[in-house]
Amino acid sequence: MLYKELLRHLENVQRKKVPFAPIYYIYGVDAYLRLSALRQIEKVAVEEEFSSMNLANFTTDNTVQEIFDSLTQLPFFGDYRVVSVTLPYNADKKTDPGEKTESAKKFNNAFFDYLNRYVKEINPSTIFVIVSDEESVKGKYDEIIYVECAKLDVTSLNIEIGKLLEEEPACQMDQDAINNLIERTLSDMTRISNEIPKLKAYTNGAKITIRDVKELVTEEAEYAVYEISNAVAAKNADQALTILNNMLEHGVKPMTILGILYNAYRKMFHVSLHPNDDSPEFLKAIGAASSNSLFYVKKSIKDYSQVRLKKCVDTIHEAQSKVLAGDIEESHVLDEVIVKLLTI
């Protein structure tokens, strides 16, 4: 089921129309929705006054034995306990080097060995919630309800944004501003949940307008490029290529990405040279709408020297020229650029 179908399922649970599932497996690309799905299950299953005793959250900092021992415990003054575990992300995708990846794989292997035994002797007073970014076990267990946290439709996005706006300090937002926020973030609730508090702080209680959104919220493609620059700074090739491939899968053309990458590094270079200059003339010269729009620029340059930034700008510009001259195919240029940036 999708996230919004989980909400309907939980409504039916509250109305006693259907029971809780003994196990929920929450997965998908949107981290905000994964956490929100877990919190909704906890909210329906456990009364707030007993939450400290009937909620247990585990990670890879715990042993697999500790997690499954917790599943056998009885609830305190309530019908259910909720036990959740967040599995190591991308354990099979080698986004982390060496020992950490092997550790994640070992944890997952041990975890699913225990799970195979647990599904044969489920504790009916425990609701077990497994949170992951992968769907690797989807359909393998009849006892599990699988909840996919994919990007929401527009109606659901408006509902979730409305909830965020109602949180203190409460604030109103024009519908065209909401629409523009959705467009700029490509419907990513994780990003939206991070942007709304910034917008609230910026407007200081006033209604959020489309002008505020355009001034503060970086468009997703540009945001992704700054994430690439952070990965390059950390010499994390896998992360840089993962973000890059995600942009390509969303239909962003290689030359468009290259152009955004060039503009981003150019801004980073010039801001590194003039860190305190927010004059209208300087902002216009580097193509920045306002000083507020330089948030990700200033955040990214901290791991770069001016010399390295200049070399990155020159490398990207050279690649653009090669494509235009026909010296390299557009489909191959991005991989070559990322490799060169990582070696600078």
C-alpha atoms as a PDB file:
ATOM      1  CA  MET A   1       0.000   0.000   0.000  1.00  0.00           C
ATOM      2  CA  LEU A   2       1.018   3.610  -0.464  1.00  0.00           C
ATOM      3  CA  TYR A   3       1.507   6.109   2.377  1.00  0.00           C
ATOM      4  CA  LYS A   4      -1.964   7.635   1.929  1.00  0.00           C
ATOM      5  CA  GLU A   5      -3.487   4.121   1.955  1.00  0.00           C
ATOM      6  CA  LEU A   6      -1.724   3.469   5.262  1.00  0.00           C
ATOM      7  CA  LEU A   7      -3.495   6.524   6.707  1.00  0.00           C
ATOM      8  CA  ARG A   8      -6.868   5.093   5.585  1.00  0.00           C
ATOM      9  CA  HIS A   9      -5.905   1.680   6.999  1.00  0.00           C
ATOM     10  CA  LEU A  10      -5.106   3.259  10.383  1.00  0.00           C
ATOM     11  CA  GLU A  11      -8.427   5.121  10.357  1.00  0.00           C
ATOM     12  CA  ASN A  12     -10.166   1.759   9.880  1.00  0.00           C
ATOM     13  CA  VAL A  13      -8.092   0.285  12.713  1.00  0.00           C
ATOM     14  CA  GLN A  14      -9.291   3.073  15.002  1.00  0.00           C
ATOM     15  CA  ARG A  15     -12.890   2.333  13.988  1.00  0.00           C
ATOM     16  CA  LYS A  16     -12.334  -1.374  14.773  1.00  0.00           C
ATOM     17  CA  LYS A  17     -13.070  -2.310  11.158  1.00  0.00           C
ATOM     18  CA  VAL A  18      -9.707  -4.006  10.650  1.00  0.00           C
ATOM     19  CA  PRO A  19      -6.929  -5.140  13.014  1.00  0.00           C
ATOM     20  CA  PHE A  20      -3.344  -3.938  13.102  1.00  0.00           C
ATOM     21  CA  ALA A  21      -0.929  -5.962  11.042  1.00  0.00           C
ATOM     22  CA  PRO A  22       1.643  -7.737  13.219  1.00  0.00           C
ATOM     23  CA  ILE A  23       4.442  -6.302  11.064  1.00  0.00           C
ATOM     24  CA  TYR A  24       4.718  -3.219   8.846  1.00  0.00           C
ATOM     25  CA  TYR A  25       7.589  -2.799   6.398  1.00  0.00           C
ATOM     26  CA  ILE A  26       8.020   0.878   5.504  1.00  0.00           C
ATOM     27  CA  TYR A  27      10.248   1.635   2.541  1.00  0.00           C
ATOM     28  CA  GLY A  28      10.719   4.163  -0.247  1.00  0.00           C
ATOM     29  CA  VAL A  29      12.639   7.206  -1.397  1.00  0.00           C
ATOM     30  CA  ASP A  30      11.040   9.834   0.848  1.00  0.00           C
ATOM     31  CA  ALA A  31      12.677   9.868   4.293  1.00  0.00           C
ATOM     32  CA  TYR A  32      10.075  12.296   5.700  1.00  0.00           C
ATOM     33  CA  LEU A  33       7.219   9.980   4.753  1.00  0.00           C
ATOM     34  CA  ARG A  34       9.015   6.932   6.161  1.00  0.00           C
ATOM     35  CA  LEU A  35       9.326   8.641   9.540  1.00  0.00           C
ATOM     36  CA  SER A  36       5.790  10.030   9.322  1.00  0.00           C
ATOM     37  CA  ALA A  37       4.374   6.555   8.599  1.00  0.00           C
ATOM     38  CA  LEU A  38       6.112   5.167  11.690  1.00  0.00           C
ATOM     39  CA  ARG A  39       4.841   8.027  13.855  1.00  0.00           C
ATOM     40  CA  GLN A  40       1.250   7.522  12.623  1.00  0.00           C
ATOM     41  CA  ILE A  41       1.353   3.837  13.576  1.00  0.00           C
ATOM     42  CA  GLU A  42       2.788   4.700  17.000  1.00  0.00           C
ATOM     43  CA  LYS A  43       0.144   7.391  17.552  1.00  0.00           C
ATOM     44  CA  VAL A  44      -2.773   5.051  16.828  1.00  0.00           C
ATOM     45  CA  ALA A  45      -1.380   2.033  18.686  1.00  0.00           C
ATOM     46  CA  VAL A  46      -0.037   3.596  21.885  1.00  0.00           C
ATOM     47  CA  GLU A  47      -1.577   6.172  24.218  1.00  0.00           C
ATOM     48  CA  GLU A  48       0.718   9.155  24.667  1.00  0.00           C
ATOM     49  CA  GLU A  49       0.895   8.868  28.475  1.00  0.00           C
ATOM     50  CA  PHE A  50       2.367   5.351  28.134  1.00  0.00           C
ATOM     51  CA  SER A  51       4.578   6.024  25.122  1.00  0.00           C
ATOM     52  CA  SER A  52       7.846   5.965  27.075  1.00  0.00           C
ATOM     53  CA  MET A  53       7.096   2.408  28.185  1.00  0.00           C
ATOM     54  CA  ASN A  54       5.363   1.024  25.096  1.00  0.00           C
ATOM     55  CA  LEU A  55       7.524   2.428  22.290  1.00  0.00           C
ATOM     56  CA  ALA A  56      10.946   1.039  21.473  1.00  0.00           C
ATOM     57  CA  ASN A  57      13.097   2.331  18.599  1.00  0.00           C
ATOM     58  CA  PHE A  58      16.183   0.453  17.485  1.00  0.00           C
ATOM     59  CA  THR A  59      18.993   1.036  14.989  1.00  0.00           C
ATOM     60  CA  THR A  60      22.191  -0.747  14.019  1.00  0.00           C
ATOM     61  CA  ASP A  61      23.682   0.576  17.274  1.00  0.00           C
ATOM     62  CA  ASN A  62      21.703  -2.233  18.903  1.00  0.00           C
ATOM     63  CA  THR A  63      22.263  -5.930  18.407  1.00  0.00           C
ATOM     64  CA  VAL A  64      19.778  -8.020  16.456  1.00  0.00           C
ATOM     65  CA  GLN A  65      19.271 -10.104  19.597  1.00  0.00           C
ATOM     66  CA  GLU A  66      18.209  -6.993  21.562  1.00  0.00           C
ATOM     67  CA  ILE A  67      15.658  -6.086  18.908  1.00  0.00           C
ATOM     68  CA  PHE A  68      13.987  -9.484  18.819  1.00  0.00           C
ATOM     69  CA  ASP A  69      14.082  -9.853  22.605  1.00  0.00           C
ATOM     70  CA  SER A  70      12.107  -6.603  22.783  1.00  0.00           C
ATOM     71  CA  LEU A  71       9.399  -8.094  20.559  1.00  0.00           C
ATOM     72  CA  THR A  72       8.531 -10.664  23.236  1.00  0.00           C
ATOM     73  CA  GLN A  73       7.822  -8.108  25.991  1.00  0.00           C
ATOM     74  CA  LEU A  74       4.252  -7.317  27.058  1.00  0.00           C
ATOM     75  CA  PRO A  75       2.729  -3.796  26.929  1.00  0.00           C
ATOM     76  CA  PHE A  76       2.432  -1.658  30.065  1.00  0.00           C
ATOM     77  CA  PHE A  77      -1.171  -0.457  30.688  1.00  0.00           C
ATOM     78  CA  GLY A  78      -2.182  -0.782  27.053  1.00  0.00           C
ATOM     79  CA  ASP A  79      -3.073  -3.222  24.318  1.00  0.00           C
ATOM     80  CA  TYR A  80       0.070  -2.855  22.231  1.00  0.00           C
ATOM     81  CA  ARG A  81       3.756  -2.090  22.193  1.00  0.00           C
ATOM     82  CA  VAL A  82       5.332  -0.719  19.008  1.00  0.00           C
ATOM     83  CA  VAL A  83       8.870  -1.869  18.305  1.00  0.00           C
ATOM     84  CA  SER A  84      10.619  -0.268  15.325  1.00  0.00           C
ATOM     85  CA  VAL A  85      13.980  -0.797  13.703  1.00  0.00           C
ATOM     86  CA  THR A  86      15.682   1.293  11.044  1.00  0.00           C
ATOM     87  CA  LEU A  87      17.706  -0.980   8.797  1.00  0.00           C
ATOM     88  CA  PRO A  88      21.068   0.142   7.414  1.00  0.00           C
ATOM     89  CA  TYR A  89      20.349   1.981   4.186  1.00  0.00           C
ATOM     90  CA  ASN A  90      21.695   0.808   0.839  1.00  0.00           C
ATOM     91  CA  ALA A  91      23.533  -2.088   2.436  1.00  0.00           C
ATOM     92  CA  ASP A  92      23.854  -3.811  -0.924  1.00  0.00           C
ATOM     93  CA  LYS A  93      24.585  -0.692  -2.975  1.00  0.00           C
ATOM     94  CA  LYS A  94      28.065   0.081  -1.622  1.00  0.00           C
ATOM     95  CA  THR A  95      27.393   3.755  -0.979  1.00  0.00           C
ATOM     96  CA  ASP A  96      29.605   3.460   2.078  1.00  0.00           C
ATOM     97  CA  PRO A  97      33.181   2.280   1.804  1.00  0.00           C
ATOM     98  CA  GLY A  98      34.770  -0.874   3.168  1.00  0.00           C
ATOM     99  CA  GLU A  99      34.062  -1.935   6.712  1.00  0.00           C
ATOM    100  CA  LYS A 100      30.822   0.005   7.134  1.00  0.00           C
ATOM    101  CA  THR A 101      29.228  -1.661   4.100  1.00  0.00           C
ATOM    102  CA  GLU A 102      30.261  -5.132   5.295  1.00  0.00           C
ATOM    103  CA  SER A 103      28.907  -4.349   8.760  1.00  0.00           C
ATOM    104  CA  ALA A 104      25.566  -3.293   7.265  1.00  0.00           C
ATOM    105  CA  LYS A 105      25.359  -6.486   5.228  1.00  0.00           C
ATOM    106  CA  LYS A 106      26.096  -8.634   8.277  1.00  0.00           C
ATOM    107  CA  PHE A 107      23.430  -6.806  10.286  1.00  0.00           C
ATOM    108  CA  ASN A 108      20.824  -7.312   7.551  1.00  0.00           C
ATOM    109  CA  ASN A 109      21.670 -10.995   7.138  1.00  0.00           C
ATOM    110  CA  ALA A 110      21.367 -11.628  10.882  1.00  0.00           C
ATOM    111  CA  PHE A 111      18.195  -9.543  11.070  1.00  0.00           C
ATOM    112  CA  PHE A 112      16.352 -11.489   8.385  1.00  0.00           C
ATOM    113  CA  ASP A 113      17.465 -14.809   9.879  1.00  0.00           C
ATOM    114  CA  TYR A 114      15.761 -13.755  13.117  1.00  0.00           C
ATOM    115  CA  LEU A 115      12.741 -12.406  11.228  1.00  0.00           C
ATOM    116  CA  ASN A 116      12.208 -15.778   9.517  1.00  0.00           C
ATOM    117  CA  ARG A 117      11.906 -17.319  12.970  1.00  0.00           C
ATOM    118  CA  TYR A 118       9.767 -14.536  14.444  1.00  0.00           C
ATOM    119  CA  VAL A 119       7.021 -14.719  11.793  1.00  0.00           C
ATOM    120  CA  LYS A 120       6.368 -18.305  12.954  1.00  0.00           C
ATOM    121  CA  GLU A 121       5.792 -17.199  16.580  1.00  0.00           C
ATOM    122  CA  ILE A 122       4.480 -13.627  16.447  1.00  0.00           C
ATOM    123  CA  ASN A 123       3.692 -11.817  19.695  1.00  0.00           C
ATOM    124  CA  PRO A 124       0.101 -10.548  19.170  1.00  0.00           C
ATOM    125  CA  SER A 125       0.588  -7.607  21.567  1.00  0.00           C
ATOM    126  CA  THR A 126       3.592  -6.221  19.640  1.00  0.00           C
ATOM    127  CA  ILE A 127       3.417  -4.234  16.420  1.00  0.00           C
ATOM    128  CA  PHE A 128       6.762  -4.545  14.683  1.00  0.00           C
ATOM    129  CA  VAL A 129       7.704  -1.743  12.253  1.00  0.00           C
ATOM    130  CA  ILE A 130      10.691  -2.162   9.936  1.00  0.00           C
ATOM    131  CA  VAL A 131      11.954   0.997   8.205  1.00  0.00           C
ATOM    132  CA  SER A 132      14.217   0.843   5.160  1.00  0.00           C
ATOM    133  CA  ASP A 133      14.923   2.688   1.916  1.00  0.00           C
ATOM    134  CA  GLU A 134      14.789  -0.590  -0.023  1.00  0.00           C
ATOM    135  CA  GLU A 135      11.944  -2.898  -1.033  1.00  0.00           C
ATOM    136  CA  SER A 136      14.148  -5.992  -1.040  1.00  0.00           C
ATOM    137  CA  VAL A 137      11.739  -8.113   1.067  1.00  0.00           C
ATOM    138  CA  LYS A 138       8.514  -6.930  -0.588  1.00  0.00           C
ATOM    139  CA  GLY A 139       6.098  -9.843  -0.993  1.00  0.00           C
ATOM    140  CA  LYS A 140       8.272 -12.361   0.866  1.00  0.00           C
ATOM    141  CA  TYR A 141       6.157 -12.500   4.020  1.00  0.00           C
ATOM    142  CA  ASP A 142       2.373 -12.852   4.199  1.00  0.00           C
ATOM    143  CA  GLU A 143       2.401 -11.481   7.749  1.00  0.00           C
ATOM    144  CA  ILE A 144       3.739  -8.092   6.656  1.00  0.00           C
ATOM    145  CA  ILE A 145       1.919  -5.045   5.304  1.00  0.00           C
ATOM    146  CA  TYR A 146       4.282  -3.229   2.946  1.00  0.00           C
ATOM    147  CA  VAL A 147       4.042   0.575   2.925  1.00  0.00           C
ATOM    148  CA  GLU A 148       5.680   2.370   0.004  1.00  0.00           C
ATOM    149  CA  CYS A 149       6.701   5.945   0.751  1.00  0.00           C
ATOM    150  CA  ALA A 150       6.925   7.170  -2.816  1.00  0.00           C
ATOM    151  CA  LYS A 151       6.263  10.755  -3.813  1.00  0.00           C
ATOM    152  CA  LEU A 152       2.721  11.887  -3.027  1.00  0.00           C
ATOM    153  CA  ASP A 153       0.076  13.092  -5.445  1.00  0.00           C
ATOM    154  CA  VAL A 154      -0.813  16.794  -5.420  1.00  0.00           C
ATOM    155  CA  THR A 155      -3.862  16.389  -3.157  1.00  0.00           C
ATOM    156  CA  SER A 156      -1.885  14.423  -0.566  1.00  0.00           C
ATOM    157  CA  LEU A 157       0.991  16.912  -0.776  1.00  0.00           C
ATOM    158  CA  ASN A 158      -1.383  19.769  -0.003  1.00  0.00           C
ATOM    159  CA  ILE A 159      -2.703  17.888   3.028  1.00  0.00           C
ATOM    160  CA  GLU A 160       0.806  17.202   4.387  1.00  0.00           C
ATOM    161  CA  ILE A 161       1.919  20.777   3.749  1.00  0.00           C
ATOM    162  CA  GLY A 162      -1.197  21.991   5.570  1.00  0.00           C
ATOM    163  CA  LYS A 163      -0.182  19.925   8.613  1.00  0.00           C
ATOM    164  CA  LEU A 164       3.298  21.446   8.578  1.00  0.00           C
ATOM    165  CA  LEU A 165       1.859  24.960   8.324  1.00  0.00           C
ATOM    166  CA  GLU A 166      -0.382  24.284  11.348  1.00  0.00           C
ATOM    167  CA  GLU A 167       2.610  23.344  13.509  1.00  0.00           C
ATOM    168  CA  GLU A 168       3.829  26.114  15.830  1.00  0.00           C
ATOM    169  CA  PRO A 169       4.550  28.778  14.895  1.00  0.00           C
ATOM    170  CA  ALA A 170       1.447  28.394  12.721  1.00  0.00           C
ATOM    171  CA  CYS A 171       1.451  30.209   9.421  1.00  0.00           C
ATOM    172  CA  GLN A 172      -0.682  30.609   6.294  1.00  0.00           C
ATOM    173  CA  MET A 173       0.555  30.133   2.740  1.00  0.00           C
ATOM    174  CA  ASP A 174      -0.904  31.232  -0.595  1.00  0.00           C
ATOM    175  CA  GLN A 175      -1.966  28.367  -2.848  1.00  0.00           C
ATOM    176  CA  ASP A 176       0.249  29.560  -5.703  1.00  0.00           C
ATOM    177  CA  ALA A 177       3.146  29.582  -3.226  1.00  0.00           C
ATOM    178  CA  ILE A 178       2.328  25.982  -2.257  1.00  0.00           C
ATOM    179  CA  ASN A 179       2.183  25.001  -5.928  1.00  0.00           C
ATOM    180  CA  ASN A 180       5.539  26.642  -6.598  1.00  0.00           C
ATOM    181  CA  LEU A 181       7.094  24.958  -3.549  1.00  0.00           C
ATOM    182  CA  ILE A 182       5.908  21.565  -4.817  1.00  0.00           C
ATOM    183  CA  GLU A 183       7.307  22.317  -8.271  1.00  0.00           C
ATOM    184  CA  ARG A 184      10.686  23.538  -6.985  1.00  0.00           C
ATOM    185  CA  THR A 185      11.158  20.493  -4.744  1.00  0.00           C
ATOM    186  CA  LEU A 186       9.821  17.975  -7.301  1.00  0.00           C
ATOM    187  CA  SER A 187       7.214  16.856  -4.731  1.00  0.00           C
ATOM    188  CA  ASP A 188       9.884  15.685  -2.263  1.00  0.00           C
ATOM    189  CA  MET A 189       8.289  15.838   1.198  1.00  0.00           C
ATOM    190  CA  THR A 190      11.670  15.528   2.902  1.00  0.00           C
ATOM    191  CA  ARG A 191      12.782  18.757   1.249  1.00  0.00           C
ATOM    192  CA  ILE A 192       9.400  20.416   1.756  1.00  0.00           C
ATOM    193  CA  SER A 193       9.510  19.617   5.478  1.00  0.00           C
ATOM    194  CA  ASN A 194      12.920  21.308   5.667  1.00  0.00           C
ATOM    195  CA  GLU A 195      11.935  24.350   3.606  1.00  0.00           C
ATOM    196  CA  ILE A 196       8.703  25.287   5.428  1.00  0.00           C
ATOM    197  CA  PRO A 197      10.399  26.123   8.778  1.00  0.00           C
ATOM    198  CA  LYS A 198      12.838  28.372   6.879  1.00  0.00           C
ATOM    199  CA  LEU A 199       9.931  30.090   5.112  1.00  0.00           C
ATOM    200  CA  LYS A 200       8.112  30.572   8.442  1.00  0.00           C
ATOM    201  CA  ALA A 201      11.195  32.131   9.997  1.00  0.00           C
ATOM    202  CA  TYR A 202      11.731  34.372   6.977  1.00  0.00           C
ATOM    203  CA  THR A 203       8.160  35.715   6.888  1.00  0.00           C
ATOM    204  CA  ASN A 204       8.008  35.987  10.699  1.00  0.00           C
ATOM    205  CA  GLY A 205       4.333  35.092  10.972  1.00  0.00           C
ATOM    206  CA  ALA A 206       3.131  36.763   7.775  1.00  0.00           C
ATOM    207  CA  LYS A 207       1.463  34.735   5.049  1.00  0.00           C
ATOM    208  CA  ILE A 208       4.006  32.968   2.817  1.00  0.00           C
ATOM    209  CA  THR A 209       3.796  34.179  -0.775  1.00  0.00           C
ATOM    210  CA  ILE A 210       5.152  32.870  -4.055  1.00  0.00           C
ATOM    211  CA  ARG A 211       7.756  35.629  -3.946  1.00  0.00           C
ATOM    212  CA  ASP A 212       9.052  34.249  -0.629  1.00  0.00           C
ATOM    213  CA  VAL A 213       9.270  30.750  -2.094  1.00  0.00           C
ATOM    214  CA  LYS A 214      11.149  31.935  -5.192  1.00  0.00           C
ATOM    215  CA  GLU A 215      13.576  33.903  -3.045  1.00  0.00           C
ATOM    216  CA  LEU A 216      14.337  31.181  -0.484  1.00  0.00           C
ATOM    217  CA  VAL A 217      13.755  27.763  -2.046  1.00  0.00           C
ATOM    218  CA  THR A 218      16.370  26.464  -4.443  1.00  0.00           C
ATOM    219  CA  GLU A 219      14.956  24.541  -7.400  1.00  0.00           C
ATOM    220  CA  GLU A 220      15.452  20.774  -7.117  1.00  0.00           C
ATOM    221  CA  ALA A 221      17.893  20.463 -10.001  1.00  0.00           C
ATOM    222  CA  GLU A 222      20.116  23.180  -8.544  1.00  0.00           C
ATOM    223  CA  TYR A 223      19.731  21.728  -5.045  1.00  0.00           C
ATOM    224  CA  ALA A 224      20.805  18.321  -6.376  1.00  0.00           C
ATOM    225  CA  VAL A 225      23.855  19.884  -8.011  1.00  0.00           C
ATOM    226  CA  TYR A 226      24.970  21.332  -4.661  1.00  0.00           C
ATOM    227  CA  GLU A 227      24.523  17.864  -3.184  1.00  0.00           C
ATOM    228  CA  ILE A 228      26.819  16.599  -5.959  1.00  0.00           C
ATOM    229  CA  SER A 229      29.364  19.292  -5.072  1.00  0.00           C
ATOM    230  CA  ASN A 230      29.267  18.170  -1.428  1.00  0.00           C
ATOM    231  CA  ALA A 231      29.842  14.563  -2.506  1.00  0.00           C
ATOM    232  CA  VAL A 232      32.731  15.664  -4.740  1.00  0.00           C
ATOM    233  CA  ALA A 233      34.255  17.617  -1.850  1.00  0.00           C
ATOM    234  CA  ALA A 234      34.082  14.463   0.286  1.00  0.00           C
ATOM    235  CA  LYS A 235      35.522  12.353  -2.572  1.00  0.00           C
ATOM    236  CA  ASN A 236      32.375  10.189  -2.436  1.00  0.00           C
ATOM    237  CA  ALA A 237      32.066   8.987  -6.030  1.00  0.00           C
ATOM    238  CA  ASP A 238      29.120   6.649  -5.378  1.00  0.00           C
ATOM    239  CA  GLN A 239      26.991   9.367  -3.819  1.00  0.00           C
ATOM    240  CA  ALA A 240      27.806  11.868  -6.577  1.00  0.00           C
ATOM    241  CA  LEU A 241      26.917   9.370  -9.318  1.00  0.00           C
ATOM    242  CA  THR A 242      23.739   8.263  -7.512  1.00  0.00           C
ATOM    243  CA  ILE A 243      22.441  11.852  -7.381  1.00  0.00           C
ATOM    244  CA  LEU A 244      23.493  12.393 -10.985  1.00  0.00           C
ATOM    245  CA  ASN A 245      21.703   9.261 -12.211  1.00  0.00           C
ATOM    246  CA  ASN A 246      18.574  10.257 -10.286  1.00  0.00           C
ATOM    247  CA  MET A 247      18.521  13.599 -12.123  1.00  0.00           C
ATOM    248  CA  LEU A 248      18.895  11.821 -15.473  1.00  0.00           C
ATOM    249  CA  GLU A 249      16.085   9.408 -14.578  1.00  0.00           C
ATOM    250  CA  HIS A 250      13.850  12.435 -13.914  1.00  0.00           C
ATOM    251  CA  GLY A 251      14.476  13.614 -17.477  1.00  0.00           C
ATOM    252  CA  VAL A 252      17.052  16.338 -16.874  1.00  0.00           C
ATOM    253  CA  LYS A 253      19.312  16.428 -19.948  1.00  0.00           C
ATOM    254  CA  PRO A 254      23.101  16.038 -19.526  1.00  0.00           C
ATOM    255  CA  MET A 255      23.906  19.473 -20.971  1.00  0.00           C
ATOM    256  CA  THR A 256      21.307  21.058 -18.686  1.00  0.00           C
ATOM    257  CA  ILE A 257      22.940  19.397 -15.676  1.00  0.00           C
ATOM    258  CA  LEU A 258      26.349  20.496 -16.911  1.00  0.00           C
ATOM    259  CA  GLY A 259      25.088  24.077 -17.213  1.00  0.00           C
ATOM    260  CA  ILE A 260      23.637  24.062 -13.708  1.00  0.00           C
ATOM    261  CA  LEU A 261      26.839  22.486 -12.401  1.00  0.00           C
ATOM    262  CA  TYR A 262      28.927  25.181 -14.073  1.00  0.00           C
ATOM    263  CA  ASN A 263      26.761  28.004 -12.665  1.00  0.00           C
ATOM    264  CA  ALA A 264      26.877  26.461  -9.187  1.00  0.00           C
ATOM    265  CA  TYR A 265      30.665  26.142  -9.112  1.00  0.00           C
ATOM    266  CA  ARG A 266      31.040  29.617 -10.633  1.00  0.00           C
ATOM    267  CA  LYS A 267      28.888  31.071  -7.837  1.00  0.00           C
ATOM    268  CA  MET A 268      30.851  29.099  -5.238  1.00  0.00           C
ATOM    269  CA  PHE A 269      34.147  30.403  -6.618  1.00  0.00           C
ATOM    270  CA  HIS A 270      33.087  34.060  -6.677  1.00  0.00           C
ATOM    271  CA  VAL A 271      31.476  33.884  -3.220  1.00  0.00           C
ATOM    272  CA  SER A 272      34.701  32.349  -1.883  1.00  0.00           C
ATOM    273  CA  LEU A 273      36.554  35.389  -3.260  1.00  0.00           C
ATOM    274  CA  HIS A 274      34.009  37.884  -1.858  1.00  0.00           C
ATOM    275  CA  PRO A 275      32.399  36.137   1.153  1.00  0.00           C
ATOM    276  CA  ASN A 276      30.913  39.306   2.671  1.00  0.00           C
ATOM    277  CA  ASP A 277      29.702  41.023  -0.493  1.00  0.00           C
ATOM    278  CA  ASP A 278      25.914  40.956  -0.780  1.00  0.00           C
ATOM    279  CA  SER A 279      25.584  44.133  -2.812  1.00  0.00           C
ATOM    280  CA  PRO A 280      22.973  44.156  -5.610  1.00  0.00           C
ATOM    281  CA  GLU A 281      25.769  44.571  -8.169  1.00  0.00           C
ATOM    282  CA  PHE A 282      27.639  41.489  -6.958  1.00  0.00           C
ATOM    283  CA  LEU A 283      24.482  39.371  -6.721  1.00  0.00           C
ATOM    284  CA  LYS A 284      23.502  40.359 -10.263  1.00  0.00           C
ATOM    285  CA  ALA A 285      26.993  39.581 -11.568  1.00  0.00           C
ATOM    286  CA  ILE A 286      26.911  35.995 -10.242  1.00  0.00           C
ATOM    287  CA  GLY A 287      23.262  35.409 -11.150  1.00  0.00           C
ATOM    288  CA  ALA A 288      21.853  35.276  -7.610  1.00  0.00           C
ATOM    289  CA  ALA A 289      18.313  36.492  -6.937  1.00  0.00           C
ATOM    290  CA  SER A 290      19.184  37.650  -3.412  1.00  0.00           C
ATOM    291  CA  SER A 291      21.621  37.045  -0.579  1.00  0.00           C
ATOM    292  CA  ASN A 292      19.149  34.499   0.821  1.00  0.00           C
ATOM    293  CA  SER A 293      19.487  32.410  -2.349  1.00  0.00           C
ATOM    294  CA  LEU A 294      23.181  31.857  -1.540  1.00  0.00           C
ATOM    295  CA  PHE A 295      22.391  29.538   1.380  1.00  0.00           C
ATOM    296  CA  TYR A 296      23.542  26.355  -0.381  1.00  0.00           C
ATOM    297  CA  VAL A 297      26.460  28.150  -2.040  1.00  0.00           C
ATOM    298  CA  LYS A 298      27.905  29.224   1.316  1.00  0.00           C
ATOM    299  CA  LYS A 299      27.176  25.832   2.831  1.00  0.00           C
ATOM    300  CA  SER A 300      29.052  24.018   0.043  1.00  0.00           C
ATOM    301  CA  ILE A 301      32.188  26.160  -0.245  1.00  0.00           C
ATOM    302  CA  LYS A 302      33.428  25.397   3.270  1.00  0.00           C
ATOM    303  CA  ASP A 303      35.085  22.168   2.049  1.00  0.00           C
ATOM    304  CA  TYR A 304      36.778  23.754  -0.966  1.00  0.00           C
ATOM    305  CA  SER A 305      39.824  25.942  -1.424  1.00  0.00           C
ATOM    306  CA  GLN A 306      39.646  28.816  -3.913  1.00  0.00           C
ATOM    307  CA  VAL A 307      42.213  27.053  -6.104  1.00  0.00           C
ATOM    308  CA  ARG A 308      40.154  23.856  -6.196  1.00  0.00           C
ATOM    309  CA  LEU A 309      36.970  25.763  -7.017  1.00  0.00           C
ATOM    310  CA  LYS A 310      38.706  27.554  -9.909  1.00  0.00           C
ATOM    311  CA  LYS A 311      39.940  24.218 -11.291  1.00  0.00           C
ATOM    312  CA  CYS A 312      36.401  22.782 -11.029  1.00  0.00           C
ATOM    313  CA  VAL A 313      34.957  25.760 -12.926  1.00  0.00           C
ATOM    314  CA  ASP A 314      37.586  25.380 -15.680  1.00  0.00           C
ATOM    315  CA  THR A 315      37.023  21.601 -15.915  1.00  0.00           C
ATOM    316  CA  ILE A 316      33.270  21.971 -16.391  1.00  0.00           C
ATOM    317  CA  HIS A 317      33.680  24.812 -18.904  1.00  0.00           C
ATOM    318  CA  GLU A 318      36.143  22.705 -20.904  1.00  0.00           C
ATOM    319  CA  ALA A 319      33.661  19.804 -20.969  1.00  0.00           C
ATOM    320  CA  GLN A 320      30.894  22.097 -22.247  1.00  0.00           C
ATOM    321  CA  SER A 321      33.184  23.269 -25.047  1.00  0.00           C
ATOM    322  CA  LYS A 322      34.066  19.681 -25.985  1.00  0.00           C
ATOM    323  CA  VAL A 323      30.409  18.712 -26.351  1.00  0.00           C
ATOM    324  CA  LEU A 324      29.634  21.774 -28.462  1.00  0.00           C
ATOM    325  CA  ALA A 325      32.674  21.043 -30.653  1.00  0.00           C
ATOM    326  CA  GLY A 326      31.620  17.424 -31.090  1.00  0.00           C
ATOM    327  CA  ASP A 327      34.729  16.067 -29.346  1.00  0.00           C
ATOM    328  CA  ILE A 328      32.681  14.090 -26.829  1.00  0.00           C
ATOM    329  CA  GLU A 329      29.113  12.753 -26.853  1.00  0.00           C
ATOM    330  CA  GLU A 330      26.628  14.459 -24.547  1.00  0.00           C
ATOM    331  CA  SER A 331      25.641  11.076 -23.078  1.00  0.00           C
ATOM    332  CA  HIS A 332      29.212  10.456 -21.851  1.00  0.00           C
ATOM    333  CA  VAL A 333      30.257  13.890 -20.685  1.00  0.00           C
ATOM    334  CA  LEU A 334      28.861  13.826 -17.142  1.00  0.00           C
ATOM    335  CA  ASP A 335      30.685  10.675 -16.064  1.00  0.00           C
ATOM    336  CA  GLU A 336      33.938  12.136 -17.373  1.00  0.00           C
ATOM    337  CA  VAL A 337      33.359  15.435 -15.570  1.00  0.00           C
ATOM    338  CA  ILE A 338      32.561  13.800 -12.223  1.00  0.00           C
ATOM    339  CA  VAL A 339      35.678  11.630 -12.426  1.00  0.00           C
ATOM    340  CA  LYS A 340      37.838  14.699 -13.162  1.00  0.00           C
ATOM    341  CA  LEU A 341      36.229  16.748 -10.368  1.00  0.00           C
ATOM    342  CA  LEU A 342      36.903  13.944  -7.896  1.00  0.00           C
ATOM    343  CA  THR A 343      40.609  13.976  -8.767  1.00  0.00           C
ATOM    344  CA  ILE A 344      41.067  17.720  -8.312  1.00  0.00           C
END
